[in-house]
PDB file of N, CA and C in Angstrom:
ATOM      1  N   UNK A   1     120.245 181.547 112.913  1.00  0.00           N
ATOM      2  CA  UNK A   1     119.736 180.238 112.990  1.00  0.00           C
ATOM      3  C   UNK A   1     119.992 179.926 114.386  1.00  0.00           C
ATOM      4  N   UNK A   2     118.882 178.913 114.973  1.00  0.00           N
ATOM      5  CA  UNK A   2     119.083 178.352 116.123  1.00  0.00           C
ATOM      6  C   UNK A   2     119.694 177.415 116.532  1.00  0.00           C
ATOM      7  N   UNK A   3     120.554 176.687 117.284  1.00  0.00           N
ATOM      8  CA  UNK A   3     121.346 175.557 117.299  1.00  0.00           C
ATOM      9  C   UNK A   3     121.078 175.005 118.509  1.00  0.00           C
ATOM     10  N   UNK A   4     120.268 173.679 118.300  1.00  0.00           N
ATOM     11  CA  UNK A   4     120.275 173.116 119.728  1.00  0.00           C
ATOM     12  C   UNK A   4     121.150 172.013 119.737  1.00  0.00           C
ATOM     13  N   UNK A   5     121.974 171.760 120.985  1.00  0.00           N
ATOM     14  CA  UNK A   5     123.027 170.707 121.348  1.00  0.00           C
ATOM     15  C   UNK A   5     122.299 170.013 122.151  1.00  0.00           C
ATOM     16  N   UNK A   6     122.244 168.515 122.211  1.00  0.00           N
ATOM     17  CA  UNK A   6     121.704 167.384 122.767  1.00  0.00           C
ATOM     18  C   UNK A   6     123.156 166.787 123.086  1.00  0.00           C
ATOM     19  N   UNK A   7     124.122 166.497 124.349  1.00  0.00           N
ATOM     20  CA  UNK A   7     125.008 165.625 124.883  1.00  0.00           C
ATOM     21  C   UNK A   7     124.513 164.513 125.336  1.00  0.00           C
ATOM     22  N   UNK A   8     124.581 163.431 125.137  1.00  0.00           N
ATOM     23  CA  UNK A   8     124.221 162.059 125.651  1.00  0.00           C
ATOM     24  C   UNK A   8     125.040 161.029 126.707  1.00  0.00           C
ATOM     25  N   UNK A   9     124.313 160.815 127.527  1.00  0.00           N
ATOM     26  CA  UNK A   9     125.205 160.125 128.651  1.00  0.00           C
ATOM     27  C   UNK A   9     124.716 158.619 129.134  1.00  0.00           C
ATOM     28  N   UNK A  10     125.149 157.716 128.452  1.00  0.00           N
ATOM     29  CA  UNK A  10     124.446 156.313 128.696  1.00  0.00           C
ATOM     30  C   UNK A  10     124.898 155.743 129.930  1.00  0.00           C
ATOM     31  N   UNK A  11     123.711 155.378 130.346  1.00  0.00           N
ATOM     32  CA  UNK A  11     124.164 154.741 132.047  1.00  0.00           C
ATOM     33  C   UNK A  11     123.253 153.202 131.710  1.00  0.00           C
ATOM     34  N   UNK A  12     123.741 152.511 132.504  1.00  0.00           N
ATOM     35  CA  UNK A  12     123.650 151.371 133.225  1.00  0.00           C
ATOM     36  C   UNK A  12     122.046 150.868 133.448  1.00  0.00           C
ATOM     37  N   UNK A  13     121.795 151.687 134.475  1.00  0.00           N
ATOM     38  CA  UNK A  13     120.382 151.589 135.055  1.00  0.00           C
ATOM     39  C   UNK A  13     119.661 152.894 135.272  1.00  0.00           C
ATOM     40  N   UNK A  14     118.753 153.336 134.250  1.00  0.00           N
ATOM     41  CA  UNK A  14     118.261 154.873 134.324  1.00  0.00           C
ATOM     42  C   UNK A  14     117.797 155.028 135.624  1.00  0.00           C
ATOM     43  N   UNK A  15     116.868 154.327 136.360  1.00  0.00           N
ATOM     44  CA  UNK A  15     116.061 154.585 137.537  1.00  0.00           C
ATOM     45  C   UNK A  15     117.376 154.678 138.787  1.00  0.00           C
ATOM     46  N   UNK A  16     118.254 153.992 138.666  1.00  0.00           N
ATOM     47  CA  UNK A  16     119.381 154.241 139.850  1.00  0.00           C
ATOM     48  C   UNK A  16     120.554 155.552 139.219  1.00  0.00           C
ATOM     49  N   UNK A  17     120.365 155.725 138.187  1.00  0.00           N
ATOM     50  CA  UNK A  17     121.283 156.963 137.632  1.00  0.00           C
ATOM     51  C   UNK A  17     120.650 158.419 137.832  1.00  0.00           C
ATOM     52  N   UNK A  18     119.218 158.428 137.643  1.00  0.00           N
ATOM     53  CA  UNK A  18     118.524 159.663 137.925  1.00  0.00           C
ATOM     54  C   UNK A  18     118.682 160.665 139.028  1.00  0.00           C
ATOM     55  N   UNK A  19     118.482 159.799 140.472  1.00  0.00           N
ATOM     56  CA  UNK A  19     118.832 160.801 141.722  1.00  0.00           C
ATOM     57  C   UNK A  19     120.376 161.323 141.560  1.00  0.00           C
ATOM     58  N   UNK A  20     121.822 160.523 140.927  1.00  0.00           N
ATOM     59  CA  UNK A  20     122.571 161.446 140.813  1.00  0.00           C
ATOM     60  C   UNK A  20     122.685 162.609 140.330  1.00  0.00           C
ATOM     61  N   UNK A  21     121.856 162.072 138.980  1.00  0.00           N
ATOM     62  CA  UNK A  21     122.239 163.606 138.221  1.00  0.00           C
ATOM     63  C   UNK A  21     121.390 164.588 138.762  1.00  0.00           C
ATOM     64  N   UNK A  22     120.150 164.403 139.158  1.00  0.00           N
ATOM     65  CA  UNK A  22     119.262 165.319 139.933  1.00  0.00           C
ATOM     66  C   UNK A  22     120.121 166.215 141.173  1.00  0.00           C
ATOM     67  N   UNK A  23     121.195 165.297 141.950  1.00  0.00           N
ATOM     68  CA  UNK A  23     121.803 166.339 142.520  1.00  0.00           C
ATOM     69  C   UNK A  23     122.631 166.820 142.048  1.00  0.00           C
ATOM     70  N   UNK A  24     123.423 166.392 140.991  1.00  0.00           N
ATOM     71  CA  UNK A  24     124.608 166.883 140.116  1.00  0.00           C
ATOM     72  C   UNK A  24     123.793 168.279 139.320  1.00  0.00           C
ATOM     73  N   UNK A  25     122.743 168.386 138.743  1.00  0.00           N
ATOM     74  CA  UNK A  25     122.188 169.299 138.161  1.00  0.00           C
ATOM     75  C   UNK A  25     121.365 169.981 139.070  1.00  0.00           C
ATOM     76  N   UNK A  26     121.076 169.924 140.097  1.00  0.00           N
ATOM     77  CA  UNK A  26     120.376 170.654 141.155  1.00  0.00           C
ATOM     78  C   UNK A  26     118.766 170.674 140.942  1.00  0.00           C
ATOM     79  N   UNK A  27     118.620 169.796 140.397  1.00  0.00           N
ATOM     80  CA  UNK A  27     116.891 169.589 139.897  1.00  0.00           C
ATOM     81  C   UNK A  27     116.512 168.552 139.280  1.00  0.00           C
ATOM     82  N   UNK A  28     115.027 168.512 139.332  1.00  0.00           N
ATOM     83  CA  UNK A  28     114.664 167.437 138.344  1.00  0.00           C
ATOM     84  C   UNK A  28     114.967 167.838 136.703  1.00  0.00           C
ATOM     85  N   UNK A  29     114.475 166.932 136.112  1.00  0.00           N
ATOM     86  CA  UNK A  29     114.828 166.871 134.467  1.00  0.00           C
ATOM     87  C   UNK A  29     114.114 168.097 134.021  1.00  0.00           C
ATOM     88  N   UNK A  30     114.504 168.550 133.114  1.00  0.00           N
ATOM     89  CA  UNK A  30     113.503 169.741 132.397  1.00  0.00           C
ATOM     90  C   UNK A  30     112.334 168.969 131.455  1.00  0.00           C
ATOM     91  N   UNK A  31     112.480 167.708 131.004  1.00  0.00           N
ATOM     92  CA  UNK A  31     111.589 167.037 130.206  1.00  0.00           C
ATOM     93  C   UNK A  31     111.988 165.627 130.418  1.00  0.00           C
ATOM     94  N   UNK A  32     111.075 164.742 130.303  1.00  0.00           N
ATOM     95  CA  UNK A  32     111.259 163.415 130.090  1.00  0.00           C
ATOM     96  C   UNK A  32     110.555 162.490 128.874  1.00  0.00           C
ATOM     97  N   UNK A  33     111.773 162.596 128.011  1.00  0.00           N
ATOM     98  CA  UNK A  33     110.954 161.911 126.413  1.00  0.00           C
ATOM     99  C   UNK A  33     110.463 160.768 126.735  1.00  0.00           C
ATOM    100  N   UNK A  34     110.787 159.626 127.593  1.00  0.00           N
ATOM    101  CA  UNK A  34     110.424 158.408 127.603  1.00  0.00           C
ATOM    102  C   UNK A  34     110.749 157.706 129.009  1.00  0.00           C
ATOM    103  N   UNK A  35     110.329 156.525 129.305  1.00  0.00           N
ATOM    104  CA  UNK A  35     110.726 155.915 130.471  1.00  0.00           C
ATOM    105  C   UNK A  35     112.116 155.454 130.865  1.00  0.00           C
ATOM    106  N   UNK A  36     112.759 155.657 129.850  1.00  0.00           N
ATOM    107  CA  UNK A  36     114.232 155.544 130.066  1.00  0.00           C
ATOM    108  C   UNK A  36     115.253 156.598 129.912  1.00  0.00           C
ATOM    109  N   UNK A  37     114.939 157.768 129.690  1.00  0.00           N
ATOM    110  CA  UNK A  37     115.570 158.971 129.455  1.00  0.00           C
ATOM    111  C   UNK A  37     115.416 160.318 129.942  1.00  0.00           C
ATOM    112  N   UNK A  38     116.292 161.096 130.728  1.00  0.00           N
ATOM    113  CA  UNK A  38     115.776 162.185 131.222  1.00  0.00           C
ATOM    114  C   UNK A  38     116.886 163.422 130.657  1.00  0.00           C
ATOM    115  N   UNK A  39     116.331 164.339 130.524  1.00  0.00           N
ATOM    116  CA  UNK A  39     116.823 165.771 129.986  1.00  0.00           C
ATOM    117  C   UNK A  39     117.088 166.740 130.582  1.00  0.00           C
ATOM    118  N   UNK A  40     118.127 167.565 130.832  1.00  0.00           N
ATOM    119  CA  UNK A  40     118.328 168.737 131.710  1.00  0.00           C
ATOM    120  C   UNK A  40     118.780 169.686 130.692  1.00  0.00           C
ATOM    121  N   UNK A  41     117.981 170.845 130.621  1.00  0.00           N
ATOM    122  CA  UNK A  41     118.524 172.157 129.688  1.00  0.00           C
ATOM    123  C   UNK A  41     119.568 172.984 130.570  1.00  0.00           C
ATOM    124  N   UNK A  42     120.856 172.617 130.037  1.00  0.00           N
ATOM    125  CA  UNK A  42     121.804 173.597 131.056  1.00  0.00           C
ATOM    126  C   UNK A  42     122.051 174.905 130.597  1.00  0.00           C
ATOM    127  N   UNK A  43     121.496 175.652 129.750  1.00  0.00           N
ATOM    128  CA  UNK A  43     121.682 176.666 128.966  1.00  0.00           C
ATOM    129  C   UNK A  43     121.079 176.891 127.910  1.00  0.00           C
ATOM    130  N   UNK A  44     120.530 178.051 127.162  1.00  0.00           N
ATOM    131  CA  UNK A  44     119.310 178.063 126.335  1.00  0.00           C
ATOM    132  C   UNK A  44     119.970 177.135 125.066  1.00  0.00           C
ATOM    133  N   UNK A  45     119.314 176.321 124.863  1.00  0.00           N
ATOM    134  CA  UNK A  45     119.248 175.412 123.194  1.00  0.00           C
ATOM    135  C   UNK A  45     120.527 174.561 123.729  1.00  0.00           C
ATOM    136  N   UNK A  46     120.902 174.204 124.942  1.00  0.00           N
ATOM    137  CA  UNK A  46     121.755 173.258 125.339  1.00  0.00           C
ATOM    138  C   UNK A  46     121.532 172.218 126.507  1.00  0.00           C
ATOM    139  N   UNK A  47     121.587 170.719 125.875  1.00  0.00           N
ATOM    140  CA  UNK A  47     120.802 169.974 127.153  1.00  0.00           C
ATOM    141  C   UNK A  47     122.138 168.931 127.296  1.00  0.00           C
ATOM    142  N   UNK A  48     121.883 168.489 128.612  1.00  0.00           N
ATOM    143  CA  UNK A  48     122.690 166.903 128.652  1.00  0.00           C
ATOM    144  C   UNK A  48     121.272 165.853 129.214  1.00  0.00           C
ATOM    145  N   UNK A  49     121.446 164.856 128.463  1.00  0.00           N
ATOM    146  CA  UNK A  49     120.554 164.099 128.784  1.00  0.00           C
ATOM    147  C   UNK A  49     121.167 162.439 129.306  1.00  0.00           C
ATOM    148  N   UNK A  50     120.627 161.690 129.977  1.00  0.00           N
ATOM    149  CA  UNK A  50     120.957 160.456 130.173  1.00  0.00           C
ATOM    150  C   UNK A  50     120.005 159.412 129.586  1.00  0.00           C
ATOM    151  N   UNK A  51     120.321 158.460 129.411  1.00  0.00           N
ATOM    152  CA  UNK A  51     119.435 157.465 128.473  1.00  0.00           C
ATOM    153  C   UNK A  51     120.193 155.901 129.043  1.00  0.00           C
ATOM    154  N   UNK A  52     119.052 155.091 129.459  1.00  0.00           N
ATOM    155  CA  UNK A  52     119.508 153.736 129.750  1.00  0.00           C
ATOM    156  C   UNK A  52     120.110 153.263 128.411  1.00  0.00           C
ATOM    157  N   UNK A  53     121.256 152.662 128.413  1.00  0.00           N
ATOM    158  CA  UNK A  53     122.114 151.934 127.545  1.00  0.00           C
ATOM    159  C   UNK A  53     123.044 151.425 128.181  1.00  0.00           C
ATOM    160  N   UNK A  54     123.076 150.156 128.571  1.00  0.00           N
ATOM    161  CA  UNK A  54     124.193 149.492 129.376  1.00  0.00           C
ATOM    162  C   UNK A  54     125.239 149.203 128.359  1.00  0.00           C
ATOM    163  N   UNK A  55     125.353 148.761 126.970  1.00  0.00           N
ATOM    164  CA  UNK A  55     126.278 148.312 126.245  1.00  0.00           C
ATOM    165  C   UNK A  55     127.255 149.500 126.012  1.00  0.00           C
ATOM    166  N   UNK A  56     126.773 150.793 126.014  1.00  0.00           N
ATOM    167  CA  UNK A  56     127.418 151.969 126.196  1.00  0.00           C
ATOM    168  C   UNK A  56     127.872 152.718 127.131  1.00  0.00           C
ATOM    169  N   UNK A  57     127.463 152.297 128.388  1.00  0.00           N
ATOM    170  CA  UNK A  57     127.598 153.060 129.835  1.00  0.00           C
ATOM    171  C   UNK A  57     129.068 153.074 130.380  1.00  0.00           C
ATOM    172  N   UNK A  58     129.301 154.235 130.809  1.00  0.00           N
ATOM    173  CA  UNK A  58     130.832 154.350 131.255  1.00  0.00           C
ATOM    174  C   UNK A  58     131.466 154.795 130.195  1.00  0.00           C
ATOM    175  N   UNK A  59     131.203 155.494 129.099  1.00  0.00           N
ATOM    176  CA  UNK A  59     132.154 156.162 128.171  1.00  0.00           C
ATOM    177  C   UNK A  59     131.942 157.255 127.887  1.00  0.00           C
ATOM    178  N   UNK A  60     130.922 158.043 128.377  1.00  0.00           N
ATOM    179  CA  UNK A  60     130.688 159.467 128.162  1.00  0.00           C
ATOM    180  C   UNK A  60     131.732 160.489 128.668  1.00  0.00           C
ATOM    181  N   UNK A  61     132.165 161.393 127.963  1.00  0.00           N
ATOM    182  CA  UNK A  61     133.104 162.412 127.953  1.00  0.00           C
ATOM    183  C   UNK A  61     132.187 163.882 128.036  1.00  0.00           C
ATOM    184  N   UNK A  62     131.852 164.473 128.501  1.00  0.00           N
ATOM    185  CA  UNK A  62     131.064 165.746 128.846  1.00  0.00           C
ATOM    186  C   UNK A  62     131.769 166.891 129.619  1.00  0.00           C
ATOM    187  N   UNK A  63     131.977 168.152 129.070  1.00  0.00           N
ATOM    188  CA  UNK A  63     133.010 168.928 129.522  1.00  0.00           C
ATOM    189  C   UNK A  63     131.928 170.309 129.209  1.00  0.00           C
ATOM    190  N   UNK A  64     131.441 171.229 130.119  1.00  0.00           N
ATOM    191  CA  UNK A  64     130.843 172.386 130.133  1.00  0.00           C
ATOM    192  C   UNK A  64     131.435 173.363 130.754  1.00  0.00           C
ATOM    193  N   UNK A  65     131.996 174.543 130.012  1.00  0.00           N
ATOM    194  CA  UNK A  65     132.779 175.727 130.687  1.00  0.00           C
ATOM    195  C   UNK A  65     131.890 176.466 131.267  1.00  0.00           C
ATOM    196  N   UNK A  66     132.163 177.063 132.268  1.00  0.00           N
ATOM    197  CA  UNK A  66     131.217 178.084 133.052  1.00  0.00           C
ATOM    198  C   UNK A  66     131.827 179.087 133.774  1.00  0.00           C
ATOM    199  N   UNK A  67     130.897 180.457 133.495  1.00  0.00           N
ATOM    200  CA  UNK A  67     132.051 181.782 134.261  1.00  0.00           C
ATOM    201  C   UNK A  67     132.097 181.522 135.762  1.00  0.00           C
ATOM    202  N   UNK A  68     131.177 180.939 136.159  1.00  0.00           N
ATOM    203  CA  UNK A  68     131.034 180.522 137.778  1.00  0.00           C
ATOM    204  C   UNK A  68     131.787 179.402 138.263  1.00  0.00           C
ATOM    205  N   UNK A  69     132.739 178.842 137.838  1.00  0.00           N
ATOM    206  CA  UNK A  69     133.193 177.384 138.569  1.00  0.00           C
ATOM    207  C   UNK A  69     133.031 177.255 139.934  1.00  0.00           C
ATOM    208  N   UNK A  70     133.715 178.106 140.509  1.00  0.00           N
ATOM    209  CA  UNK A  70     133.849 178.225 142.182  1.00  0.00           C
ATOM    210  C   UNK A  70     132.746 177.842 142.642  1.00  0.00           C
ATOM    211  N   UNK A  71     131.702 178.582 142.239  1.00  0.00           N
ATOM    212  CA  UNK A  71     130.360 178.648 142.981  1.00  0.00           C
ATOM    213  C   UNK A  71     129.383 177.427 142.563  1.00  0.00           C
ATOM    214  N   UNK A  72     129.820 176.925 141.438  1.00  0.00           N
ATOM    215  CA  UNK A  72     128.935 175.416 140.707  1.00  0.00           C
ATOM    216  C   UNK A  72     129.679 174.208 141.504  1.00  0.00           C
ATOM    217  N   UNK A  73     130.773 174.366 141.630  1.00  0.00           N
ATOM    218  CA  UNK A  73     131.349 173.251 142.297  1.00  0.00           C
ATOM    219  C   UNK A  73     130.829 173.243 143.872  1.00  0.00           C
ATOM    220  N   UNK A  74     131.160 174.549 144.547  1.00  0.00           N
ATOM    221  CA  UNK A  74     130.376 174.221 146.037  1.00  0.00           C
ATOM    222  C   UNK A  74     129.209 173.996 145.833  1.00  0.00           C
ATOM    223  N   UNK A  75     128.342 174.370 144.925  1.00  0.00           N
ATOM    224  CA  UNK A  75     126.836 174.047 145.194  1.00  0.00           C
ATOM    225  C   UNK A  75     126.571 172.669 145.024  1.00  0.00           C
ATOM    226  N   UNK A  76     127.504 172.100 144.074  1.00  0.00           N
ATOM    227  CA  UNK A  76     127.654 170.285 144.100  1.00  0.00           C
ATOM    228  C   UNK A  76     127.664 169.734 145.119  1.00  0.00           C
ATOM    229  N   UNK A  77     129.032 170.253 145.924  1.00  0.00           N
ATOM    230  CA  UNK A  77     129.069 169.773 146.971  1.00  0.00           C
ATOM    231  C   UNK A  77     128.116 169.634 148.213  1.00  0.00           C
ATOM    232  N   UNK A  78     127.422 170.561 148.099  1.00  0.00           N
ATOM    233  CA  UNK A  78     126.672 171.096 149.341  1.00  0.00           C
ATOM    234  C   UNK A  78     125.342 170.501 148.810  1.00  0.00           C
ATOM    235  N   UNK A  79     125.134 169.730 147.584  1.00  0.00           N
ATOM    236  CA  UNK A  79     124.327 168.661 147.262  1.00  0.00           C
ATOM    237  C   UNK A  79     124.723 167.207 147.738  1.00  0.00           C
ATOM    238  N   UNK A  80     125.805 167.445 148.099  1.00  0.00           N
ATOM    239  CA  UNK A  80     126.757 165.727 148.224  1.00  0.00           C
ATOM    240  C   UNK A  80     127.147 165.032 147.428  1.00  0.00           C
ATOM    241  N   UNK A  81     127.606 165.559 146.147  1.00  0.00           N
ATOM    242  CA  UNK A  81     128.699 165.165 145.297  1.00  0.00           C
ATOM    243  C   UNK A  81     129.749 165.943 145.294  1.00  0.00           C
ATOM    244  N   UNK A  82     131.017 165.045 145.671  1.00  0.00           N
ATOM    245  CA  UNK A  82     132.148 165.580 145.394  1.00  0.00           C
ATOM    246  C   UNK A  82     133.117 165.342 144.167  1.00  0.00           C
ATOM    247  N   UNK A  83     133.872 166.221 143.901  1.00  0.00           N
ATOM    248  CA  UNK A  83     134.547 165.689 142.104  1.00  0.00           C
ATOM    249  C   UNK A  83     135.724 164.523 142.480  1.00  0.00           C
ATOM    250  N   UNK A  84     135.894 164.084 141.387  1.00  0.00           N
ATOM    251  CA  UNK A  84     136.777 162.790 141.186  1.00  0.00           C
ATOM    252  C   UNK A  84     138.121 163.348 141.172  1.00  0.00           C
ATOM    253  N   UNK A  85     138.615 164.652 140.625  1.00  0.00           N
ATOM    254  CA  UNK A  85     139.599 164.835 140.439  1.00  0.00           C
ATOM    255  C   UNK A  85     139.416 166.674 139.982  1.00  0.00           C
ATOM    256  N   UNK A  86     140.637 166.977 139.665  1.00  0.00           N
ATOM    257  CA  UNK A  86     140.970 168.412 138.916  1.00  0.00           C
ATOM    258  C   UNK A  86     142.237 168.314 138.274  1.00  0.00           C
ATOM    259  N   UNK A  87     142.102 168.958 136.994  1.00  0.00           N
ATOM    260  CA  UNK A  87     142.944 169.130 135.958  1.00  0.00           C
ATOM    261  C   UNK A  87     143.470 170.640 135.860  1.00  0.00           C
ATOM    262  N   UNK A  88     144.623 171.094 135.537  1.00  0.00           N
ATOM    263  CA  UNK A  88     144.994 172.461 135.306  1.00  0.00           C
ATOM    264  C   UNK A  88     145.539 172.438 134.022  1.00  0.00           C
ATOM    265  N   UNK A  89     144.882 173.438 132.956  1.00  0.00           N
ATOM    266  CA  UNK A  89     145.600 173.378 131.524  1.00  0.00           C
ATOM    267  C   UNK A  89     145.814 174.906 131.834  1.00  0.00           C
ATOM    268  N   UNK A  90     147.165 175.593 131.890  1.00  0.00           N
ATOM    269  CA  UNK A  90     147.306 176.973 131.882  1.00  0.00           C
ATOM    270  C   UNK A  90     146.341 177.439 132.569  1.00  0.00           C
ATOM    271  N   UNK A  91     145.763 178.625 132.162  1.00  0.00           N
ATOM    272  CA  UNK A  91     144.892 179.384 133.095  1.00  0.00           C
ATOM    273  C   UNK A  91     143.247 178.592 133.332  1.00  0.00           C
ATOM    274  N   UNK A  92     143.114 177.639 132.873  1.00  0.00           N
ATOM    275  CA  UNK A  92     141.839 176.883 132.882  1.00  0.00           C
ATOM    276  C   UNK A  92     142.122 175.704 133.912  1.00  0.00           C
ATOM    277  N   UNK A  93     140.869 175.313 134.393  1.00  0.00           N
ATOM    278  CA  UNK A  93     140.695 174.398 135.714  1.00  0.00           C
ATOM    279  C   UNK A  93     139.466 173.403 134.946  1.00  0.00           C
ATOM    280  N   UNK A  94     139.865 172.494 135.207  1.00  0.00           N
ATOM    281  CA  UNK A  94     138.867 171.143 134.766  1.00  0.00           C
ATOM    282  C   UNK A  94     138.761 170.431 135.734  1.00  0.00           C
ATOM    283  N   UNK A  95     137.010 170.384 136.498  1.00  0.00           N
ATOM    284  CA  UNK A  95     137.096 169.621 137.608  1.00  0.00           C
ATOM    285  C   UNK A  95     136.025 168.371 137.084  1.00  0.00           C
ATOM    286  N   UNK A  96     136.662 167.387 137.351  1.00  0.00           N
ATOM    287  CA  UNK A  96     136.042 165.973 136.906  1.00  0.00           C
ATOM    288  C   UNK A  96     135.079 165.310 137.866  1.00  0.00           C
ATOM    289  N   UNK A  97     133.629 164.952 137.621  1.00  0.00           N
ATOM    290  CA  UNK A  97     133.026 164.051 138.223  1.00  0.00           C
ATOM    291  C   UNK A  97     132.709 163.053 137.313  1.00  0.00           C
ATOM    292  N   UNK A  98     132.411 161.759 138.158  1.00  0.00           N
ATOM    293  CA  UNK A  98     132.185 160.564 137.452  1.00  0.00           C
ATOM    294  C   UNK A  98     130.892 159.819 138.408  1.00  0.00           C
ATOM    295  N   UNK A  99     129.896 159.330 137.570  1.00  0.00           N
ATOM    296  CA  UNK A  99     128.741 159.235 137.844  1.00  0.00           C
ATOM    297  C   UNK A  99     128.960 157.561 138.336  1.00  0.00           C
ATOM    298  N   UNK A 100     128.012 156.570 138.669  1.00  0.00           N
ATOM    299  CA  UNK A 100     128.151 155.419 138.885  1.00  0.00           C
ATOM    300  C   UNK A 100     128.869 154.242 137.961  1.00  0.00           C
ATOM    301  N   UNK A 101     128.540 154.630 136.582  1.00  0.00           N
ATOM    302  CA  UNK A 101     129.232 153.493 135.596  1.00  0.00           C
ATOM    303  C   UNK A 101     130.531 154.282 135.303  1.00  0.00           C
ATOM    304  N   UNK A 102     131.044 155.503 135.574  1.00  0.00           N
ATOM    305  CA  UNK A 102     132.091 156.118 135.415  1.00  0.00           C
ATOM    306  C   UNK A 102     131.989 156.886 134.257  1.00  0.00           C
ATOM    307  N   UNK A 103     130.948 157.369 134.064  1.00  0.00           N
ATOM    308  CA  UNK A 103     131.100 158.580 132.788  1.00  0.00           C
ATOM    309  C   UNK A 103     131.519 159.779 133.512  1.00  0.00           C
ATOM    310  N   UNK A 104     131.972 160.628 132.781  1.00  0.00           N
ATOM    311  CA  UNK A 104     133.021 161.678 133.243  1.00  0.00           C
ATOM    312  C   UNK A 104     132.144 162.724 132.732  1.00  0.00           C
ATOM    313  N   UNK A 105     131.790 163.917 133.859  1.00  0.00           N
ATOM    314  CA  UNK A 105     130.830 165.040 133.765  1.00  0.00           C
ATOM    315  C   UNK A 105     131.926 165.957 134.009  1.00  0.00           C
ATOM    316  N   UNK A 106     132.358 166.983 133.629  1.00  0.00           N
ATOM    317  CA  UNK A 106     133.361 167.699 133.953  1.00  0.00           C
ATOM    318  C   UNK A 106     132.948 169.439 133.538  1.00  0.00           C
ATOM    319  N   UNK A 107     133.157 170.048 134.582  1.00  0.00           N
ATOM    320  CA  UNK A 107     133.321 171.580 134.698  1.00  0.00           C
ATOM    321  C   UNK A 107     134.306 172.394 134.405  1.00  0.00           C
ATOM    322  N   UNK A 108     134.491 172.948 133.256  1.00  0.00           N
ATOM    323  CA  UNK A 108     135.605 174.142 133.137  1.00  0.00           C
ATOM    324  C   UNK A 108     135.441 175.230 133.604  1.00  0.00           C
ATOM    325  N   UNK A 109     136.664 175.937 133.954  1.00  0.00           N
ATOM    326  CA  UNK A 109     136.548 177.581 133.938  1.00  0.00           C
ATOM    327  C   UNK A 109     138.046 178.216 133.796  1.00  0.00           C
ATOM    328  N   UNK A 110     138.073 179.415 134.455  1.00  0.00           N
ATOM    329  CA  UNK A 110     139.393 180.225 134.716  1.00  0.00           C
ATOM    330  C   UNK A 110     139.387 180.070 136.088  1.00  0.00           C
ATOM    331  N   UNK A 111     138.848 179.438 136.891  1.00  0.00           N
ATOM    332  CA  UNK A 111     139.403 179.942 138.361  1.00  0.00           C
ATOM    333  C   UNK A 111     139.073 178.148 138.705  1.00  0.00           C
ATOM    334  N   UNK A 112     138.885 177.815 140.048  1.00  0.00           N
ATOM    335  CA  UNK A 112     138.920 176.588 140.833  1.00  0.00           C
ATOM    336  C   UNK A 112     139.588 175.741 141.511  1.00  0.00           C
TER     337      UNK A 112
END
């Protein structure tokens, strides 16, 4: 059985949010379903999307665990985005990013 996962992030202004997410994900969206939504495939059958939805904007909590946390954080920093914070839970690290609406997009891993 194939399982596709879509995690949605509501934003106030799609056009203003799109460049930040392109920097965060390191490229253009995988596809654009319509004029207020952009989708990135972050792993096979796993997608993160932004959608213009001002009433819900700022409430998203998305966490992805990765094997190469330090490398990904460094790559995102090279693209001009710095973490809003770090948290440690036992042997795992959570690196927190926030978009202009306050949505929390985090990366987790065994180092950081």
